Structures are given as structure tokens and as C-alpha cells.
Amino acid sequence: MSTADQLSAAFSALADPTRRAIVARLARGEATVTELAKPFAISQPAISRHLKVLERAGLISRGRDAQSRPCRLEVRRLKEATEWMNRYRAHWEASFDRLDNLLTDMKQEKTHANGK
């Protein structure tokens, strides 16, 4: 899967609020499907479907521990998505800084023009 496809899969998976909540929970440490399903008013099979989406996107992995399959966050894929967003964040922050400077200059010019 290409990097662009991986990013698309990650962003698509994170578009759902339930999946974002699951990722937030896994950021605190491994959890079983039962533990992940607890705070939600949806069935365990529905949680399992959300987990499959997150797993296909490379955001989580599932291990084997006797009878349970603990889920864990895969930080690498989140890091790739964050790095992609940060490249654009830097661009927009610079653009907003330039706009702030322009508006400050315009305000000062208006103040000087009205004061004379």
C-alpha cells in the first residue's frame, strides 16, 4: 500500500468518533475488545468491526494472550499522519502570521490617517 493510500486509510478510519475514542483509550495502554466496548452503547460485534477498520488502516494491532486478543495502538501510522498534517500546519501558520501583520499594518495606517 502506498504512503498516500495509507494516509487515506488512516484519515478515513479516524473520521469516525467511535474509532477516535478507541484510539484515545488505547493511547493509555492495551485493552481487550470487552474493555474497549464498555463505554459505548453499541454491541461488541460493532466494536469489533470498528477495530477491524483501525487494524486495516494500520492504527492498531491485535495480539494473542491465552484466550484474549489485546489491542494496542500502532504509533508509527499515527506519527506518519501527524507529520503529514504538520507540513501543512506550518504553511497555514505562516500564512496567518502574514495576514496578522498585514491587518496590523492596515489598522495602524488607518489610525494615523484619522489622527492627522
N, C-alpha and C. Protein backbone atom coordinates (compact mmCIF):
# COMPACT_ATOMS: atom_id res chain seq x y z
N MET A 1 0.85 -1.17 0.00
CA MET A 1 0.00 0.00 0.00
C MET A 1 0.90 1.24 0.00
N SER A 2 0.62 2.18 -0.89
CA SER A 2 1.44 3.40 -0.96
C SER A 2 1.21 4.28 0.25
N THR A 3 2.12 5.21 0.48
CA THR A 3 2.00 6.13 1.60
C THR A 3 0.71 6.93 1.52
N ALA A 4 0.36 7.37 0.30
CA ALA A 4 -0.89 8.14 0.13
C ALA A 4 -2.09 7.28 0.49
N ASP A 5 -2.09 6.01 0.08
CA ASP A 5 -3.18 5.11 0.43
C ASP A 5 -3.23 4.86 1.93
N GLN A 6 -2.06 4.74 2.56
CA GLN A 6 -2.01 4.51 4.00
C GLN A 6 -2.57 5.72 4.74
N LEU A 7 -2.20 6.92 4.29
CA LEU A 7 -2.75 8.13 4.90
C LEU A 7 -4.25 8.21 4.72
N SER A 8 -4.73 7.88 3.52
CA SER A 8 -6.17 7.90 3.27
C SER A 8 -6.89 6.93 4.19
N ALA A 9 -6.33 5.74 4.34
CA ALA A 9 -6.95 4.74 5.22
C ALA A 9 -6.95 5.22 6.67
N ALA A 10 -5.86 5.83 7.10
CA ALA A 10 -5.78 6.32 8.48
C ALA A 10 -6.78 7.44 8.72
N PHE A 11 -6.83 8.42 7.82
CA PHE A 11 -7.77 9.52 8.00
C PHE A 11 -9.21 9.06 7.90
N SER A 12 -9.49 8.12 7.02
CA SER A 12 -10.83 7.57 6.89
C SER A 12 -11.24 6.86 8.18
N ALA A 13 -10.32 6.08 8.73
CA ALA A 13 -10.62 5.38 9.98
C ALA A 13 -10.85 6.36 11.12
N LEU A 14 -10.06 7.42 11.15
CA LEU A 14 -10.17 8.40 12.25
C LEU A 14 -11.33 9.37 12.07
N ALA A 15 -12.02 9.30 10.94
CA ALA A 15 -13.16 10.19 10.71
C ALA A 15 -14.34 9.83 11.61
N ASP A 16 -14.36 8.62 12.11
CA ASP A 16 -15.48 8.17 12.95
C ASP A 16 -15.19 8.46 14.42
N PRO A 17 -16.13 9.09 15.14
CA PRO A 17 -15.88 9.44 16.54
C PRO A 17 -15.69 8.23 17.46
N THR A 18 -16.35 7.12 17.17
CA THR A 18 -16.15 5.92 17.99
C THR A 18 -14.73 5.41 17.83
N ARG A 19 -14.23 5.40 16.61
CA ARG A 19 -12.86 4.93 16.39
C ARG A 19 -11.85 5.88 17.01
N ARG A 20 -12.12 7.19 16.95
CA ARG A 20 -11.21 8.14 17.62
C ARG A 20 -11.19 7.89 19.13
N ALA A 21 -12.35 7.59 19.70
CA ALA A 21 -12.42 7.30 21.14
C ALA A 21 -11.65 6.02 21.46
N ILE A 22 -11.74 5.03 20.61
CA ILE A 22 -10.98 3.78 20.80
C ILE A 22 -9.49 4.07 20.76
N VAL A 23 -9.05 4.87 19.79
CA VAL A 23 -7.63 5.24 19.69
C VAL A 23 -7.20 5.98 20.95
N ALA A 24 -8.05 6.90 21.43
CA ALA A 24 -7.72 7.65 22.65
C ALA A 24 -7.58 6.70 23.83
N ARG A 25 -8.45 5.72 23.93
CA ARG A 25 -8.37 4.74 25.02
C ARG A 25 -7.08 3.92 24.90
N LEU A 26 -6.76 3.48 23.69
CA LEU A 26 -5.55 2.67 23.50
C LEU A 26 -4.27 3.46 23.73
N ALA A 27 -4.35 4.77 23.65
CA ALA A 27 -3.18 5.60 23.95
C ALA A 27 -2.75 5.43 25.41
N ARG A 28 -3.68 4.99 26.24
CA ARG A 28 -3.37 4.76 27.66
C ARG A 28 -2.80 3.36 27.91
N GLY A 29 -2.91 2.48 26.90
CA GLY A 29 -2.38 1.13 27.06
C GLY A 29 -3.27 0.09 26.40
N GLU A 30 -2.78 -1.13 26.34
CA GLU A 30 -3.52 -2.22 25.71
C GLU A 30 -4.88 -2.42 26.37
N ALA A 31 -5.82 -2.96 25.57
CA ALA A 31 -7.15 -3.26 26.10
C ALA A 31 -7.76 -4.38 25.27
N THR A 32 -8.64 -5.12 25.90
CA THR A 32 -9.37 -6.17 25.19
C THR A 32 -10.59 -5.56 24.51
N VAL A 33 -11.21 -6.34 23.64
CA VAL A 33 -12.42 -5.87 22.96
C VAL A 33 -13.50 -5.56 24.00
N THR A 34 -13.63 -6.40 25.01
CA THR A 34 -14.62 -6.19 26.06
C THR A 34 -14.37 -4.86 26.78
N GLU A 35 -13.12 -4.59 27.11
CA GLU A 35 -12.77 -3.33 27.78
C GLU A 35 -13.06 -2.14 26.88
N LEU A 36 -12.76 -2.29 25.59
CA LEU A 36 -12.99 -1.19 24.65
C LEU A 36 -14.49 -0.95 24.43
N ALA A 37 -15.28 -2.00 24.49
CA ALA A 37 -16.72 -1.88 24.23
C ALA A 37 -17.46 -1.26 25.41
N LYS A 38 -16.91 -1.37 26.61
CA LYS A 38 -17.60 -0.96 27.84
C LYS A 38 -18.22 0.44 27.80
N PRO A 39 -17.51 1.49 27.38
CA PRO A 39 -18.11 2.83 27.46
C PRO A 39 -19.13 3.15 26.35
N PHE A 40 -19.31 2.25 25.41
CA PHE A 40 -20.17 2.54 24.27
C PHE A 40 -21.51 1.81 24.37
N ALA A 41 -22.53 2.44 23.84
CA ALA A 41 -23.88 1.85 23.83
C ALA A 41 -24.10 1.11 22.51
N ILE A 42 -23.08 0.37 22.09
CA ILE A 42 -23.18 -0.45 20.87
C ILE A 42 -22.69 -1.85 21.20
N SER A 43 -23.03 -2.79 20.35
CA SER A 43 -22.69 -4.19 20.62
C SER A 43 -21.19 -4.45 20.48
N GLN A 44 -20.77 -5.54 21.08
CA GLN A 44 -19.37 -5.95 20.95
C GLN A 44 -19.02 -6.27 19.49
N PRO A 45 -19.91 -6.90 18.71
CA PRO A 45 -19.60 -7.10 17.29
C PRO A 45 -19.40 -5.77 16.54
N ALA A 46 -20.15 -4.74 16.92
CA ALA A 46 -19.97 -3.43 16.27
C ALA A 46 -18.59 -2.87 16.62
N ILE A 47 -18.18 -3.03 17.88
CA ILE A 47 -16.84 -2.59 18.28
C ILE A 47 -15.79 -3.37 17.49
N SER A 48 -16.01 -4.66 17.32
CA SER A 48 -15.07 -5.49 16.55
C SER A 48 -14.94 -5.00 15.12
N ARG A 49 -16.05 -4.55 14.53
CA ARG A 49 -15.99 -4.01 13.17
C ARG A 49 -15.16 -2.72 13.14
N HIS A 50 -15.34 -1.87 14.16
CA HIS A 50 -14.53 -0.65 14.25
C HIS A 50 -13.04 -1.01 14.39
N LEU A 51 -12.76 -2.02 15.19
CA LEU A 51 -11.37 -2.45 15.38
C LEU A 51 -10.76 -2.97 14.09
N LYS A 52 -11.55 -3.66 13.29
CA LYS A 52 -11.05 -4.16 12.01
C LYS A 52 -10.68 -3.01 11.08
N VAL A 53 -11.49 -1.95 11.08
CA VAL A 53 -11.18 -0.77 10.26
C VAL A 53 -9.87 -0.15 10.74
N LEU A 54 -9.72 0.01 12.05
CA LEU A 54 -8.49 0.59 12.60
C LEU A 54 -7.29 -0.30 12.32
N GLU A 55 -7.48 -1.61 12.38
CA GLU A 55 -6.39 -2.54 12.11
C GLU A 55 -5.99 -2.50 10.63
N ARG A 56 -6.97 -2.48 9.72
CA ARG A 56 -6.65 -2.40 8.28
C ARG A 56 -5.92 -1.10 7.95
N ALA A 57 -6.23 -0.04 8.69
CA ALA A 57 -5.56 1.24 8.47
C ALA A 57 -4.17 1.26 9.11
N GLY A 58 -3.83 0.22 9.85
CA GLY A 58 -2.51 0.15 10.49
C GLY A 58 -2.42 0.95 11.77
N LEU A 59 -3.55 1.40 12.30
CA LEU A 59 -3.55 2.22 13.51
C LEU A 59 -3.49 1.41 14.79
N ILE A 60 -3.95 0.17 14.72
CA ILE A 60 -3.88 -0.72 15.89
C ILE A 60 -3.41 -2.09 15.43
N SER A 61 -2.99 -2.89 16.39
CA SER A 61 -2.69 -4.29 16.13
C SER A 61 -3.33 -5.09 17.25
N ARG A 62 -3.53 -6.38 16.97
CA ARG A 62 -4.12 -7.26 17.99
C ARG A 62 -3.18 -8.43 18.20
N GLY A 63 -2.93 -8.70 19.46
CA GLY A 63 -2.05 -9.80 19.81
C GLY A 63 -2.84 -11.00 20.29
N ARG A 64 -2.13 -11.97 20.79
CA ARG A 64 -2.75 -13.16 21.38
C ARG A 64 -2.19 -13.33 22.78
N ASP A 65 -3.07 -13.41 23.76
CA ASP A 65 -2.66 -13.63 25.14
C ASP A 65 -3.63 -14.64 25.73
N ALA A 66 -3.27 -15.91 25.63
CA ALA A 66 -4.14 -17.02 26.06
C ALA A 66 -5.47 -16.94 25.30
N GLN A 67 -6.55 -16.62 25.99
CA GLN A 67 -7.87 -16.57 25.34
C GLN A 67 -8.22 -15.19 24.80
N SER A 68 -7.53 -14.16 25.23
CA SER A 68 -7.90 -12.80 24.79
C SER A 68 -7.00 -12.33 23.66
N ARG A 69 -7.46 -11.31 22.96
CA ARG A 69 -6.67 -10.70 21.90
C ARG A 69 -6.55 -9.21 22.21
N PRO A 70 -5.59 -8.84 23.05
CA PRO A 70 -5.45 -7.43 23.42
C PRO A 70 -5.11 -6.56 22.21
N CYS A 71 -5.69 -5.39 22.19
CA CYS A 71 -5.44 -4.41 21.12
C CYS A 71 -4.42 -3.42 21.62
N ARG A 72 -3.57 -2.97 20.71
CA ARG A 72 -2.59 -1.94 21.07
C ARG A 72 -2.48 -0.94 19.94
N LEU A 73 -2.15 0.25 20.30
CA LEU A 73 -2.00 1.34 19.34
C LEU A 73 -0.71 1.16 18.57
N GLU A 74 -0.77 1.41 17.26
CA GLU A 74 0.43 1.38 16.42
C GLU A 74 0.82 2.84 16.16
N VAL A 75 1.76 3.31 16.92
CA VAL A 75 2.13 4.72 16.92
C VAL A 75 2.73 5.17 15.59
N ARG A 76 3.39 4.26 14.90
CA ARG A 76 4.06 4.63 13.64
C ARG A 76 3.09 5.25 12.64
N ARG A 77 1.93 4.65 12.47
CA ARG A 77 0.96 5.17 11.49
C ARG A 77 0.41 6.53 11.94
N LEU A 78 0.17 6.68 13.24
CA LEU A 78 -0.28 7.98 13.75
C LEU A 78 0.81 9.04 13.55
N LYS A 79 2.05 8.63 13.74
CA LYS A 79 3.17 9.56 13.54
C LYS A 79 3.24 10.02 12.09
N GLU A 80 3.03 9.10 11.15
CA GLU A 80 3.04 9.47 9.73
C GLU A 80 1.93 10.48 9.42
N ALA A 81 0.74 10.25 9.95
CA ALA A 81 -0.38 11.17 9.71
C ALA A 81 -0.10 12.53 10.35
N THR A 82 0.47 12.52 11.54
CA THR A 82 0.80 13.77 12.23
C THR A 82 1.86 14.55 11.46
N GLU A 83 2.87 13.85 10.97
CA GLU A 83 3.92 14.53 10.19
C GLU A 83 3.35 15.14 8.92
N TRP A 84 2.43 14.45 8.28
CA TRP A 84 1.79 14.98 7.06
C TRP A 84 1.02 16.25 7.41
N MET A 85 0.25 16.22 8.49
CA MET A 85 -0.52 17.41 8.89
C MET A 85 0.40 18.55 9.30
N ASN A 86 1.49 18.24 9.97
CA ASN A 86 2.41 19.28 10.44
C ASN A 86 3.04 20.06 9.29
N ARG A 87 3.29 19.38 8.16
CA ARG A 87 3.83 20.10 7.00
C ARG A 87 2.86 21.20 6.56
N TYR A 88 1.59 20.92 6.56
CA TYR A 88 0.60 21.89 6.14
C TYR A 88 0.29 22.90 7.24
N ARG A 89 0.39 22.47 8.48
CA ARG A 89 0.17 23.39 9.59
C ARG A 89 1.19 24.52 9.54
N ALA A 90 2.44 24.18 9.29
CA ALA A 90 3.50 25.20 9.21
C ALA A 90 3.17 26.20 8.10
N HIS A 91 2.69 25.71 6.97
CA HIS A 91 2.31 26.59 5.85
C HIS A 91 1.19 27.53 6.28
N TRP A 92 0.13 27.00 6.89
CA TRP A 92 -1.01 27.83 7.27
C TRP A 92 -0.66 28.79 8.39
N GLU A 93 0.19 28.37 9.33
CA GLU A 93 0.61 29.29 10.39
C GLU A 93 1.37 30.46 9.81
N ALA A 94 2.24 30.21 8.85
CA ALA A 94 2.99 31.29 8.20
C ALA A 94 2.03 32.22 7.46
N SER A 95 1.04 31.64 6.79
CA SER A 95 0.06 32.46 6.07
C SER A 95 -0.74 33.32 7.04
N PHE A 96 -1.15 32.75 8.17
CA PHE A 96 -1.91 33.52 9.15
C PHE A 96 -1.05 34.60 9.78
N ASP A 97 0.22 34.31 10.00
CA ASP A 97 1.13 35.33 10.54
C ASP A 97 1.25 36.50 9.58
N ARG A 98 1.37 36.20 8.28
CA ARG A 98 1.45 37.28 7.29
C ARG A 98 0.16 38.09 7.27
N LEU A 99 -0.98 37.41 7.37
CA LEU A 99 -2.27 38.10 7.40
C LEU A 99 -2.39 38.97 8.65
N ASP A 100 -1.97 38.45 9.80
CA ASP A 100 -1.99 39.25 11.03
C ASP A 100 -1.14 40.51 10.88
N ASN A 101 0.04 40.36 10.29
CA ASN A 101 0.92 41.52 10.10
C ASN A 101 0.28 42.54 9.16
N LEU A 102 -0.32 42.07 8.09
CA LEU A 102 -0.98 42.97 7.15
C LEU A 102 -2.12 43.71 7.81
N LEU A 103 -2.95 43.01 8.57
CA LEU A 103 -4.07 43.66 9.26
C LEU A 103 -3.59 44.66 10.30
N THR A 104 -2.51 44.34 11.00
CA THR A 104 -1.94 45.27 11.97
C THR A 104 -1.45 46.53 11.26
N ASP A 105 -0.75 46.35 10.14
CA ASP A 105 -0.26 47.50 9.36
C ASP A 105 -1.42 48.35 8.87
N MET A 106 -2.47 47.72 8.36
CA MET A 106 -3.63 48.46 7.85
C MET A 106 -4.31 49.23 8.97
N LYS A 107 -4.42 48.62 10.14
CA LYS A 107 -5.04 49.28 11.29
C LYS A 107 -4.23 50.49 11.72
N GLN A 108 -2.90 50.32 11.74
CA GLN A 108 -2.03 51.43 12.12
C GLN A 108 -2.12 52.57 11.10
N GLU A 109 -2.16 52.23 9.81
CA GLU A 109 -2.30 53.26 8.77
C GLU A 109 -3.61 54.01 8.91
N LYS A 110 -4.68 53.28 9.22
CA LYS A 110 -5.99 53.92 9.39
C LYS A 110 -5.99 54.84 10.60
N THR A 111 -5.35 54.39 11.68
CA THR A 111 -5.26 55.20 12.90
C THR A 111 -4.48 56.48 12.62
N HIS A 112 -3.35 56.36 11.91
CA HIS A 112 -2.54 57.54 11.58
C HIS A 112 -3.29 58.46 10.64
N ALA A 113 -4.02 57.91 9.69
CA ALA A 113 -4.77 58.74 8.74
C ALA A 113 -5.89 59.49 9.44
N ASN A 114 -6.55 58.88 10.37
CA ASN A 114 -7.65 59.51 11.10
C ASN A 114 -7.13 60.50 12.14
N GLY A 115 -5.94 60.29 12.62
CA GLY A 115 -5.36 61.14 13.65
C GLY A 115 -4.75 62.41 13.10
N LYS A 116 -4.52 62.49 11.81
CA LYS A 116 -3.86 63.67 11.21
C LYS A 116 -4.84 64.72 10.83
